[in-house]
Amino acid sequence: MLMRHEQIAELRGHFDAAGRTFTLSRNGAVVARGDLETETGRKSIAHAVGATVRNGLRGEPRVVSSPGHSFTDIAAKALHIVNLESVRALEARMGIAIDPLRFRPNLIVDGLPAWLELDLVGGRLEAGEVALEIFKRTGRCAATEVNPETARRDAHIPTALSREYGHTDFGVYAKVVHGGTLAVGDAIRLSGG
């Protein structure tokens, strides 16, 4: 929804799975907390979103659930991987600092050559006991224009990608072949692609 409503970037969320409680904060202060299993909890969260997104909404926000469904950009259950060297290469071309969180990654890798991840479609990334199968490049939209710290549109990333590289892809999607625990600094192994 950042593509249409950049003010959402002002909110930070935290989910406590044990207590089934979702907390929203803005500028470091809690603005809503609720049990997502209850109507009251969902309405509390929705109200905070509506109070933050001050324009362009068509009606009141609603918090919904759909067991088994992922509310993501693609239908497949996937992780999104971003390569820090690709971020650095784009920063150099655009002449600005770019927060990798603009790309909403689940996993950030470092130490690979810039743009190598785009050539890994069909290959695997492994770290420790974790194995991921890379299946698709990530086409970027206007949501990446929103600075995750300021909630302002301050960089035309899809336009820059198209102009500089001839495509709007940044990052890759991967499915989990074998799950496990990852830690900062784990060595990665690549195969195929």
N, C-alpha and C. Protein backbone atom coordinates (compact mmCIF):
# COMPACT_ATOMS: atom_id res chain seq x y z
N MET A 1 0.80 -1.20 0.00
CA MET A 1 0.00 0.00 0.00
C MET A 1 0.84 1.27 0.00
N LEU A 2 2.17 1.14 0.19
CA LEU A 2 3.03 2.31 0.12
C LEU A 2 2.96 2.98 -1.25
N MET A 3 2.64 2.20 -2.27
CA MET A 3 2.57 2.76 -3.60
C MET A 3 1.54 3.90 -3.65
N ARG A 4 0.46 3.77 -2.89
CA ARG A 4 -0.59 4.78 -2.88
C ARG A 4 -0.61 5.65 -1.63
N HIS A 5 -0.16 5.09 -0.52
CA HIS A 5 -0.29 5.78 0.77
C HIS A 5 1.04 5.77 1.52
N GLU A 6 1.92 6.70 1.17
CA GLU A 6 3.26 6.71 1.76
C GLU A 6 3.26 6.93 3.26
N GLN A 7 2.18 7.52 3.83
CA GLN A 7 2.16 7.78 5.27
C GLN A 7 2.21 6.48 6.09
N ILE A 8 1.88 5.37 5.48
CA ILE A 8 1.95 4.09 6.20
C ILE A 8 3.36 3.84 6.71
N ALA A 9 4.37 4.39 6.01
CA ALA A 9 5.77 4.20 6.43
C ALA A 9 6.07 4.87 7.76
N GLU A 10 5.17 5.73 8.24
CA GLU A 10 5.36 6.35 9.56
C GLU A 10 5.12 5.35 10.69
N LEU A 11 4.45 4.25 10.38
CA LEU A 11 4.08 3.26 11.40
C LEU A 11 5.10 2.14 11.48
N ARG A 12 5.33 1.67 12.68
CA ARG A 12 6.16 0.49 12.92
C ARG A 12 5.29 -0.53 13.63
N GLY A 13 5.33 -1.77 13.16
CA GLY A 13 4.51 -2.82 13.74
C GLY A 13 5.33 -3.87 14.45
N HIS A 14 4.74 -4.45 15.47
CA HIS A 14 5.36 -5.58 16.18
C HIS A 14 4.26 -6.56 16.54
N PHE A 15 4.49 -7.84 16.19
CA PHE A 15 3.51 -8.87 16.50
C PHE A 15 4.07 -9.80 17.55
N ASP A 16 3.35 -9.96 18.64
CA ASP A 16 3.69 -10.90 19.70
C ASP A 16 2.86 -12.15 19.46
N ALA A 17 3.48 -13.17 18.88
CA ALA A 17 2.74 -14.39 18.50
C ALA A 17 2.16 -15.10 19.73
N ALA A 18 2.89 -15.09 20.83
CA ALA A 18 2.40 -15.79 22.02
C ALA A 18 1.11 -15.15 22.54
N GLY A 19 1.05 -13.84 22.54
CA GLY A 19 -0.13 -13.15 23.05
C GLY A 19 -1.12 -12.76 21.97
N ARG A 20 -0.78 -13.07 20.70
CA ARG A 20 -1.62 -12.73 19.55
C ARG A 20 -1.91 -11.23 19.49
N THR A 21 -0.95 -10.43 19.97
CA THR A 21 -1.14 -8.99 20.05
C THR A 21 -0.27 -8.28 19.03
N PHE A 22 -0.88 -7.35 18.32
CA PHE A 22 -0.18 -6.53 17.34
C PHE A 22 -0.10 -5.12 17.90
N THR A 23 1.09 -4.52 17.85
CA THR A 23 1.30 -3.17 18.35
C THR A 23 1.78 -2.28 17.23
N LEU A 24 1.18 -1.11 17.09
CA LEU A 24 1.63 -0.10 16.12
C LEU A 24 2.21 1.07 16.89
N SER A 25 3.37 1.56 16.42
CA SER A 25 4.01 2.73 17.00
C SER A 25 4.24 3.76 15.91
N ARG A 26 4.28 5.00 16.35
CA ARG A 26 4.58 6.12 15.45
C ARG A 26 5.48 7.08 16.21
N ASN A 27 6.62 7.40 15.62
CA ASN A 27 7.60 8.27 16.27
C ASN A 27 7.97 7.75 17.66
N GLY A 28 8.06 6.42 17.80
CA GLY A 28 8.47 5.80 19.05
C GLY A 28 7.38 5.64 20.09
N ALA A 29 6.18 6.15 19.83
CA ALA A 29 5.09 6.04 20.80
C ALA A 29 4.04 5.05 20.30
N VAL A 30 3.54 4.22 21.20
CA VAL A 30 2.49 3.26 20.84
C VAL A 30 1.22 4.04 20.51
N VAL A 31 0.66 3.76 19.31
CA VAL A 31 -0.60 4.41 18.91
C VAL A 31 -1.77 3.43 18.92
N ALA A 32 -1.47 2.14 18.92
CA ALA A 32 -2.53 1.14 19.00
C ALA A 32 -1.94 -0.21 19.38
N ARG A 33 -2.76 -0.97 20.09
CA ARG A 33 -2.38 -2.34 20.45
C ARG A 33 -3.66 -3.14 20.46
N GLY A 34 -3.63 -4.32 19.86
CA GLY A 34 -4.86 -5.10 19.85
C GLY A 34 -4.63 -6.56 19.54
N ASP A 35 -5.52 -7.39 20.04
CA ASP A 35 -5.54 -8.82 19.74
C ASP A 35 -6.21 -8.96 18.38
N LEU A 36 -5.49 -9.46 17.42
CA LEU A 36 -6.01 -9.56 16.06
C LEU A 36 -7.11 -10.61 15.92
N GLU A 37 -7.33 -11.40 16.95
CA GLU A 37 -8.40 -12.39 16.93
C GLU A 37 -9.73 -11.79 17.36
N THR A 38 -9.71 -10.55 17.86
CA THR A 38 -10.95 -9.93 18.34
C THR A 38 -11.34 -8.75 17.45
N GLU A 39 -12.62 -8.49 17.39
CA GLU A 39 -13.14 -7.34 16.64
C GLU A 39 -12.59 -6.03 17.20
N THR A 40 -12.56 -5.93 18.53
CA THR A 40 -12.05 -4.72 19.18
C THR A 40 -10.58 -4.49 18.84
N GLY A 41 -9.80 -5.54 18.87
CA GLY A 41 -8.37 -5.42 18.56
C GLY A 41 -8.15 -4.99 17.12
N ARG A 42 -8.87 -5.60 16.19
CA ARG A 42 -8.73 -5.24 14.78
C ARG A 42 -9.16 -3.80 14.53
N LYS A 43 -10.25 -3.37 15.17
CA LYS A 43 -10.73 -2.00 14.99
C LYS A 43 -9.73 -0.99 15.55
N SER A 44 -9.08 -1.32 16.64
CA SER A 44 -8.08 -0.43 17.23
C SER A 44 -6.92 -0.19 16.26
N ILE A 45 -6.44 -1.27 15.66
CA ILE A 45 -5.34 -1.17 14.69
C ILE A 45 -5.80 -0.39 13.46
N ALA A 46 -6.98 -0.72 12.95
CA ALA A 46 -7.51 -0.04 11.75
C ALA A 46 -7.68 1.46 11.99
N HIS A 47 -8.16 1.82 13.17
CA HIS A 47 -8.34 3.23 13.49
C HIS A 47 -7.00 3.97 13.47
N ALA A 48 -5.96 3.36 14.01
CA ALA A 48 -4.63 3.99 14.02
C ALA A 48 -4.10 4.17 12.60
N VAL A 49 -4.34 3.20 11.73
CA VAL A 49 -3.92 3.33 10.33
C VAL A 49 -4.68 4.49 9.68
N GLY A 50 -5.99 4.57 9.90
CA GLY A 50 -6.80 5.65 9.34
C GLY A 50 -6.37 7.02 9.84
N ALA A 51 -5.94 7.10 11.10
CA ALA A 51 -5.48 8.37 11.65
C ALA A 51 -4.13 8.79 11.08
N THR A 52 -3.35 7.82 10.61
CA THR A 52 -2.02 8.10 10.04
C THR A 52 -2.11 8.44 8.57
N VAL A 53 -2.89 7.67 7.83
CA VAL A 53 -3.06 7.90 6.39
C VAL A 53 -4.13 8.96 6.24
N ARG A 54 -3.68 10.19 6.01
CA ARG A 54 -4.59 11.33 6.08
C ARG A 54 -5.26 11.69 4.76
N ASN A 55 -4.88 11.02 3.67
CA ASN A 55 -5.54 11.36 2.40
C ASN A 55 -5.57 10.15 1.48
N GLY A 56 -6.52 10.15 0.59
CA GLY A 56 -6.59 9.14 -0.45
C GLY A 56 -7.28 7.83 -0.09
N LEU A 57 -7.71 7.68 1.15
CA LEU A 57 -8.39 6.43 1.51
C LEU A 57 -9.81 6.44 0.96
N ARG A 58 -10.26 5.28 0.51
CA ARG A 58 -11.65 5.13 0.08
C ARG A 58 -12.38 4.36 1.17
N GLY A 59 -12.82 5.09 2.16
CA GLY A 59 -13.51 4.47 3.28
C GLY A 59 -12.57 4.22 4.45
N GLU A 60 -13.11 3.65 5.50
CA GLU A 60 -12.35 3.34 6.70
C GLU A 60 -11.46 2.12 6.47
N PRO A 61 -10.22 2.13 6.96
CA PRO A 61 -9.38 0.94 6.85
C PRO A 61 -9.99 -0.22 7.64
N ARG A 62 -9.70 -1.44 7.20
CA ARG A 62 -10.14 -2.63 7.91
C ARG A 62 -8.95 -3.57 8.06
N VAL A 63 -8.87 -4.24 9.17
CA VAL A 63 -7.88 -5.29 9.38
C VAL A 63 -8.61 -6.60 9.15
N VAL A 64 -8.11 -7.40 8.23
CA VAL A 64 -8.76 -8.66 7.88
C VAL A 64 -7.78 -9.81 8.01
N SER A 65 -8.31 -11.00 8.08
CA SER A 65 -7.46 -12.19 8.08
C SER A 65 -8.04 -13.18 7.09
N SER A 66 -7.16 -13.99 6.57
CA SER A 66 -7.56 -15.03 5.64
C SER A 66 -6.58 -16.18 5.81
N PRO A 67 -6.92 -17.15 6.65
CA PRO A 67 -5.99 -18.25 6.92
C PRO A 67 -5.49 -18.91 5.64
N GLY A 68 -4.17 -19.07 5.57
CA GLY A 68 -3.55 -19.70 4.41
C GLY A 68 -3.21 -18.74 3.29
N HIS A 69 -3.68 -17.49 3.38
CA HIS A 69 -3.41 -16.51 2.33
C HIS A 69 -2.30 -15.58 2.78
N SER A 70 -1.42 -15.22 1.85
CA SER A 70 -0.38 -14.24 2.13
C SER A 70 -0.78 -12.91 1.53
N PHE A 71 -0.75 -11.88 2.32
CA PHE A 71 -1.05 -10.53 1.82
C PHE A 71 0.27 -9.91 1.35
N THR A 72 0.71 -10.35 0.18
CA THR A 72 1.98 -9.90 -0.37
C THR A 72 1.79 -9.52 -1.84
N ASP A 73 2.89 -9.12 -2.47
CA ASP A 73 2.83 -8.70 -3.87
C ASP A 73 2.66 -9.87 -4.85
N ILE A 74 2.96 -11.08 -4.41
CA ILE A 74 2.81 -12.25 -5.28
C ILE A 74 2.02 -13.32 -4.55
N ALA A 75 1.41 -14.21 -5.31
CA ALA A 75 0.58 -15.26 -4.71
C ALA A 75 1.40 -16.34 -4.00
N ALA A 76 2.59 -16.61 -4.51
CA ALA A 76 3.43 -17.68 -3.95
C ALA A 76 3.92 -17.32 -2.55
N LYS A 77 4.06 -18.32 -1.71
CA LYS A 77 4.68 -18.13 -0.40
C LYS A 77 6.18 -17.97 -0.66
N ALA A 78 6.73 -16.81 -0.32
CA ALA A 78 8.11 -16.53 -0.71
C ALA A 78 8.79 -15.61 0.28
N LEU A 79 10.11 -15.65 0.23
CA LEU A 79 10.96 -14.68 0.91
C LEU A 79 11.50 -13.75 -0.16
N HIS A 80 11.79 -12.53 0.25
CA HIS A 80 12.39 -11.58 -0.69
C HIS A 80 13.83 -11.32 -0.27
N ILE A 81 14.75 -11.48 -1.22
CA ILE A 81 16.19 -11.35 -0.96
C ILE A 81 16.72 -10.11 -1.68
N VAL A 82 17.48 -9.30 -0.95
CA VAL A 82 18.13 -8.11 -1.51
C VAL A 82 19.63 -8.21 -1.25
N ASN A 83 20.41 -7.86 -2.27
CA ASN A 83 21.87 -7.90 -2.22
C ASN A 83 22.39 -6.48 -1.92
N LEU A 84 23.15 -6.31 -0.83
CA LEU A 84 23.65 -4.98 -0.47
C LEU A 84 24.57 -4.39 -1.54
N GLU A 85 25.30 -5.22 -2.27
CA GLU A 85 26.15 -4.67 -3.33
C GLU A 85 25.32 -4.06 -4.45
N SER A 86 24.15 -4.62 -4.71
CA SER A 86 23.25 -4.03 -5.70
C SER A 86 22.71 -2.69 -5.20
N VAL A 87 22.42 -2.62 -3.89
CA VAL A 87 21.99 -1.35 -3.30
C VAL A 87 23.09 -0.31 -3.49
N ARG A 88 24.33 -0.69 -3.19
CA ARG A 88 25.46 0.24 -3.32
C ARG A 88 25.66 0.68 -4.78
N ALA A 89 25.49 -0.24 -5.71
CA ALA A 89 25.63 0.10 -7.14
C ALA A 89 24.56 1.10 -7.56
N LEU A 90 23.32 0.89 -7.10
CA LEU A 90 22.24 1.81 -7.44
C LEU A 90 22.48 3.17 -6.77
N GLU A 91 22.96 3.16 -5.53
CA GLU A 91 23.29 4.42 -4.85
C GLU A 91 24.31 5.22 -5.66
N ALA A 92 25.34 4.54 -6.16
CA ALA A 92 26.38 5.21 -6.93
C ALA A 92 25.80 5.82 -8.21
N ARG A 93 24.93 5.10 -8.89
CA ARG A 93 24.32 5.60 -10.13
C ARG A 93 23.37 6.76 -9.87
N MET A 94 22.62 6.69 -8.75
CA MET A 94 21.64 7.74 -8.46
C MET A 94 22.25 8.92 -7.70
N GLY A 95 23.40 8.69 -7.05
CA GLY A 95 24.04 9.76 -6.30
C GLY A 95 23.35 10.07 -4.98
N ILE A 96 22.66 9.09 -4.41
CA ILE A 96 21.97 9.27 -3.12
C ILE A 96 22.14 8.02 -2.27
N ALA A 97 21.94 8.16 -0.96
CA ALA A 97 21.92 7.00 -0.06
C ALA A 97 20.55 6.33 -0.18
N ILE A 98 20.56 5.00 -0.21
CA ILE A 98 19.31 4.24 -0.35
C ILE A 98 19.23 3.22 0.79
N ASP A 99 18.20 3.33 1.59
CA ASP A 99 17.97 2.38 2.67
C ASP A 99 17.47 1.08 2.05
N PRO A 100 18.13 -0.06 2.30
CA PRO A 100 17.66 -1.33 1.74
C PRO A 100 16.23 -1.68 2.13
N LEU A 101 15.73 -1.10 3.22
CA LEU A 101 14.37 -1.40 3.66
C LEU A 101 13.32 -0.86 2.68
N ARG A 102 13.71 0.02 1.76
CA ARG A 102 12.77 0.47 0.72
C ARG A 102 12.25 -0.72 -0.09
N PHE A 103 13.06 -1.79 -0.15
CA PHE A 103 12.73 -2.95 -0.98
C PHE A 103 12.03 -4.04 -0.18
N ARG A 104 11.75 -3.80 1.09
CA ARG A 104 11.02 -4.71 1.97
C ARG A 104 11.56 -6.14 1.93
N PRO A 105 12.87 -6.30 2.19
CA PRO A 105 13.45 -7.64 2.14
C PRO A 105 13.15 -8.46 3.39
N ASN A 106 13.11 -9.76 3.21
CA ASN A 106 13.10 -10.68 4.34
C ASN A 106 14.53 -11.09 4.69
N LEU A 107 15.40 -11.04 3.69
CA LEU A 107 16.79 -11.46 3.85
C LEU A 107 17.67 -10.51 3.06
N ILE A 108 18.70 -9.97 3.73
CA ILE A 108 19.68 -9.11 3.06
C ILE A 108 21.00 -9.87 3.04
N VAL A 109 21.59 -9.98 1.84
CA VAL A 109 22.88 -10.65 1.70
C VAL A 109 23.94 -9.62 1.35
N ASP A 110 25.18 -9.92 1.71
CA ASP A 110 26.30 -9.04 1.41
C ASP A 110 27.48 -9.90 0.97
N GLY A 111 28.34 -9.31 0.17
CA GLY A 111 29.53 -10.03 -0.29
C GLY A 111 29.38 -10.65 -1.66
N LEU A 112 28.21 -10.57 -2.26
CA LEU A 112 28.02 -11.05 -3.63
C LEU A 112 28.27 -9.89 -4.58
N PRO A 113 28.73 -10.15 -5.80
CA PRO A 113 28.84 -9.06 -6.78
C PRO A 113 27.47 -8.42 -7.02
N ALA A 114 27.50 -7.12 -7.31
CA ALA A 114 26.25 -6.41 -7.59
C ALA A 114 25.51 -7.10 -8.73
N TRP A 115 24.22 -7.22 -8.55
CA TRP A 115 23.27 -7.74 -9.55
C TRP A 115 23.37 -9.24 -9.78
N LEU A 116 24.28 -9.95 -9.12
CA LEU A 116 24.40 -11.40 -9.31
C LEU A 116 23.09 -12.11 -8.99
N GLU A 117 22.37 -11.62 -7.98
CA GLU A 117 21.12 -12.28 -7.56
C GLU A 117 20.12 -12.39 -8.71
N LEU A 118 20.14 -11.43 -9.62
CA LEU A 118 19.18 -11.47 -10.73
C LEU A 118 19.45 -12.64 -11.68
N ASP A 119 20.68 -13.12 -11.69
CA ASP A 119 21.04 -14.25 -12.54
C ASP A 119 20.88 -15.60 -11.84
N LEU A 120 20.42 -15.58 -10.61
CA LEU A 120 20.30 -16.83 -9.84
C LEU A 120 18.92 -17.48 -9.93
N VAL A 121 18.02 -16.92 -10.73
CA VAL A 121 16.70 -17.53 -10.88
C VAL A 121 16.87 -18.97 -11.38
N GLY A 122 16.25 -19.89 -10.67
CA GLY A 122 16.41 -21.31 -10.97
C GLY A 122 17.49 -21.96 -10.12
N GLY A 123 18.24 -21.17 -9.37
CA GLY A 123 19.31 -21.68 -8.53
C GLY A 123 18.91 -21.71 -7.07
N ARG A 124 19.91 -22.02 -6.24
CA ARG A 124 19.67 -22.13 -4.80
C ARG A 124 20.64 -21.27 -4.02
N LEU A 125 20.17 -20.81 -2.87
CA LEU A 125 21.00 -20.14 -1.89
C LEU A 125 20.89 -20.95 -0.62
N GLU A 126 22.04 -21.33 -0.06
CA GLU A 126 22.04 -22.12 1.17
C GLU A 126 22.89 -21.42 2.22
N ALA A 127 22.48 -21.53 3.46
CA ALA A 127 23.23 -21.01 4.60
C ALA A 127 22.91 -21.91 5.78
N GLY A 128 23.94 -22.54 6.35
CA GLY A 128 23.70 -23.49 7.43
C GLY A 128 22.76 -24.58 6.94
N GLU A 129 21.67 -24.81 7.68
CA GLU A 129 20.70 -25.84 7.30
C GLU A 129 19.59 -25.32 6.40
N VAL A 130 19.61 -24.01 6.11
CA VAL A 130 18.57 -23.38 5.30
C VAL A 130 18.89 -23.50 3.82
N ALA A 131 17.89 -23.88 3.03
CA ALA A 131 18.03 -23.93 1.57
C ALA A 131 16.85 -23.19 0.95
N LEU A 132 17.16 -22.25 0.06
CA LEU A 132 16.14 -21.46 -0.63
C LEU A 132 16.30 -21.64 -2.12
N GLU A 133 15.17 -21.79 -2.82
CA GLU A 133 15.17 -21.88 -4.28
C GLU A 133 14.70 -20.55 -4.84
N ILE A 134 15.56 -19.91 -5.62
CA ILE A 134 15.25 -18.60 -6.19
C ILE A 134 14.42 -18.83 -7.45
N PHE A 135 13.22 -18.21 -7.49
CA PHE A 135 12.33 -18.51 -8.61
C PHE A 135 11.88 -17.31 -9.43
N LYS A 136 12.15 -16.09 -8.96
CA LYS A 136 11.64 -14.95 -9.72
C LYS A 136 12.37 -13.66 -9.33
N ARG A 137 12.65 -12.84 -10.35
CA ARG A 137 13.16 -11.49 -10.09
C ARG A 137 12.01 -10.63 -9.59
N THR A 138 12.33 -9.61 -8.82
CA THR A 138 11.31 -8.74 -8.24
C THR A 138 11.21 -7.44 -9.03
N GLY A 139 10.12 -7.26 -9.74
CA GLY A 139 9.86 -6.00 -10.43
C GLY A 139 9.44 -4.95 -9.41
N ARG A 140 10.01 -3.77 -9.51
CA ARG A 140 9.75 -2.75 -8.49
C ARG A 140 8.71 -1.74 -8.95
N CYS A 141 7.98 -1.21 -7.97
CA CYS A 141 6.92 -0.24 -8.23
C CYS A 141 7.21 1.04 -7.46
N ALA A 142 6.25 1.95 -7.48
CA ALA A 142 6.41 3.26 -6.83
C ALA A 142 6.54 3.17 -5.31
N ALA A 143 6.23 2.03 -4.71
CA ALA A 143 6.40 1.90 -3.26
C ALA A 143 7.85 2.12 -2.85
N THR A 144 8.81 1.78 -3.73
CA THR A 144 10.23 1.97 -3.40
C THR A 144 10.64 3.43 -3.41
N GLU A 145 9.79 4.31 -3.90
CA GLU A 145 10.08 5.75 -3.88
C GLU A 145 9.95 6.33 -2.47
N VAL A 146 9.28 5.60 -1.57
CA VAL A 146 8.99 6.09 -0.22
C VAL A 146 10.16 5.77 0.72
N ASN A 147 10.68 6.81 1.34
CA ASN A 147 11.76 6.67 2.32
C ASN A 147 11.16 6.04 3.59
N PRO A 148 11.69 4.88 4.03
CA PRO A 148 11.09 4.20 5.20
C PRO A 148 11.28 4.96 6.51
N GLU A 149 12.19 5.92 6.55
CA GLU A 149 12.39 6.71 7.76
C GLU A 149 11.52 7.96 7.80
N THR A 150 11.36 8.63 6.65
CA THR A 150 10.65 9.90 6.63
C THR A 150 9.22 9.81 6.11
N ALA A 151 8.88 8.69 5.48
CA ALA A 151 7.57 8.48 4.85
C ALA A 151 7.31 9.49 3.74
N ARG A 152 8.37 9.95 3.10
CA ARG A 152 8.26 10.88 1.98
C ARG A 152 8.77 10.21 0.70
N ARG A 153 8.14 10.57 -0.42
CA ARG A 153 8.62 10.11 -1.72
C ARG A 153 9.82 10.98 -2.10
N ASP A 154 11.00 10.39 -2.09
CA ASP A 154 12.19 11.20 -2.34
C ASP A 154 13.18 10.57 -3.31
N ALA A 155 12.82 9.46 -3.94
CA ALA A 155 13.71 8.82 -4.91
C ALA A 155 12.87 8.06 -5.93
N HIS A 156 13.12 8.31 -7.20
CA HIS A 156 12.35 7.66 -8.27
C HIS A 156 13.09 6.39 -8.71
N ILE A 157 13.04 5.38 -7.85
CA ILE A 157 13.83 4.17 -8.06
C ILE A 157 13.41 3.39 -9.30
N PRO A 158 12.13 3.11 -9.56
CA PRO A 158 11.80 2.38 -10.79
C PRO A 158 12.28 3.10 -12.05
N THR A 159 12.15 4.42 -12.06
CA THR A 159 12.61 5.20 -13.22
C THR A 159 14.12 5.09 -13.36
N ALA A 160 14.85 5.19 -12.25
CA ALA A 160 16.32 5.09 -12.29
C ALA A 160 16.76 3.70 -12.73
N LEU A 161 16.11 2.65 -12.23
CA LEU A 161 16.45 1.29 -12.65
C LEU A 161 16.25 1.13 -14.15
N SER A 162 15.14 1.62 -14.65
CA SER A 162 14.85 1.51 -16.08
C SER A 162 15.87 2.28 -16.91
N ARG A 163 16.17 3.50 -16.48
CA ARG A 163 17.11 4.35 -17.22
C ARG A 163 18.54 3.77 -17.17
N GLU A 164 18.98 3.34 -16.00
CA GLU A 164 20.37 2.92 -15.82
C GLU A 164 20.63 1.47 -16.23
N TYR A 165 19.63 0.60 -16.08
CA TYR A 165 19.86 -0.83 -16.29
C TYR A 165 18.93 -1.47 -17.32
N GLY A 166 17.94 -0.74 -17.78
CA GLY A 166 17.03 -1.27 -18.80
C GLY A 166 15.97 -2.21 -18.26
N HIS A 167 15.76 -2.22 -16.95
CA HIS A 167 14.70 -3.02 -16.32
C HIS A 167 14.35 -2.39 -14.99
N THR A 168 13.30 -2.86 -14.36
CA THR A 168 12.91 -2.34 -13.04
C THR A 168 13.03 -3.41 -11.96
N ASP A 169 13.86 -4.43 -12.19
CA ASP A 169 14.01 -5.52 -11.23
C ASP A 169 15.01 -5.15 -10.14
N PHE A 170 14.66 -5.49 -8.90
CA PHE A 170 15.58 -5.31 -7.79
C PHE A 170 15.25 -6.33 -6.72
N GLY A 171 16.15 -7.27 -6.51
CA GLY A 171 15.92 -8.36 -5.57
C GLY A 171 15.29 -9.56 -6.26
N VAL A 172 15.20 -10.65 -5.50
CA VAL A 172 14.62 -11.89 -6.03
C VAL A 172 13.73 -12.54 -4.98
N TYR A 173 12.77 -13.30 -5.47
CA TYR A 173 11.90 -14.10 -4.61
C TYR A 173 12.47 -15.51 -4.52
N ALA A 174 12.33 -16.11 -3.33
CA ALA A 174 12.80 -17.48 -3.13
C ALA A 174 11.80 -18.23 -2.27
N LYS A 175 11.67 -19.52 -2.54
CA LYS A 175 10.83 -20.36 -1.67
C LYS A 175 11.74 -21.19 -0.78
N VAL A 176 11.24 -21.51 0.39
CA VAL A 176 12.01 -22.28 1.35
C VAL A 176 11.94 -23.75 0.96
N VAL A 177 13.10 -24.33 0.69
CA VAL A 177 13.20 -25.76 0.39
C VAL A 177 13.44 -26.52 1.69
N HIS A 178 14.29 -25.94 2.54
CA HIS A 178 14.57 -26.53 3.84
C HIS A 178 14.75 -25.39 4.83
N GLY A 179 13.90 -25.36 5.86
CA GLY A 179 13.94 -24.28 6.84
C GLY A 179 14.98 -24.49 7.91
N GLY A 180 15.16 -23.48 8.72
CA GLY A 180 16.11 -23.51 9.81
C GLY A 180 16.34 -22.11 10.32
N THR A 181 17.41 -21.95 11.08
CA THR A 181 17.74 -20.67 11.68
C THR A 181 18.89 -20.02 10.92
N LEU A 182 18.73 -18.74 10.60
CA LEU A 182 19.79 -17.94 9.99
C LEU A 182 20.27 -16.92 11.02
N ALA A 183 21.56 -16.60 10.97
CA ALA A 183 22.10 -15.58 11.86
C ALA A 183 22.94 -14.61 11.04
N VAL A 184 23.04 -13.39 11.53
CA VAL A 184 23.89 -12.39 10.87
C VAL A 184 25.30 -12.95 10.77
N GLY A 185 25.87 -12.86 9.59
CA GLY A 185 27.23 -13.33 9.37
C GLY A 185 27.33 -14.75 8.86
N ASP A 186 26.22 -15.50 8.77
CA ASP A 186 26.27 -16.86 8.22
C ASP A 186 26.79 -16.82 6.79
N ALA A 187 27.69 -17.73 6.47
CA ALA A 187 28.20 -17.84 5.09
C ALA A 187 27.11 -18.42 4.20
N ILE A 188 27.04 -17.93 2.97
CA ILE A 188 26.06 -18.46 2.02
C ILE A 188 26.77 -19.21 0.91
N ARG A 189 26.05 -20.20 0.37
CA ARG A 189 26.53 -20.97 -0.78
C ARG A 189 25.50 -20.84 -1.88
N LEU A 190 25.96 -20.65 -3.10
CA LEU A 190 25.08 -20.53 -4.26
C LEU A 190 25.29 -21.69 -5.20
N SER A 191 24.23 -22.13 -5.84
CA SER A 191 24.35 -23.17 -6.85
C SER A 191 23.29 -22.95 -7.91
N GLY A 192 23.60 -23.36 -9.13
CA GLY A 192 22.65 -23.24 -10.24
C GLY A 192 22.40 -21.82 -10.64
N GLY A 193 21.29 -21.65 -11.35
CA GLY A 193 20.90 -20.30 -11.75
C GLY A 193 21.44 -19.91 -13.09
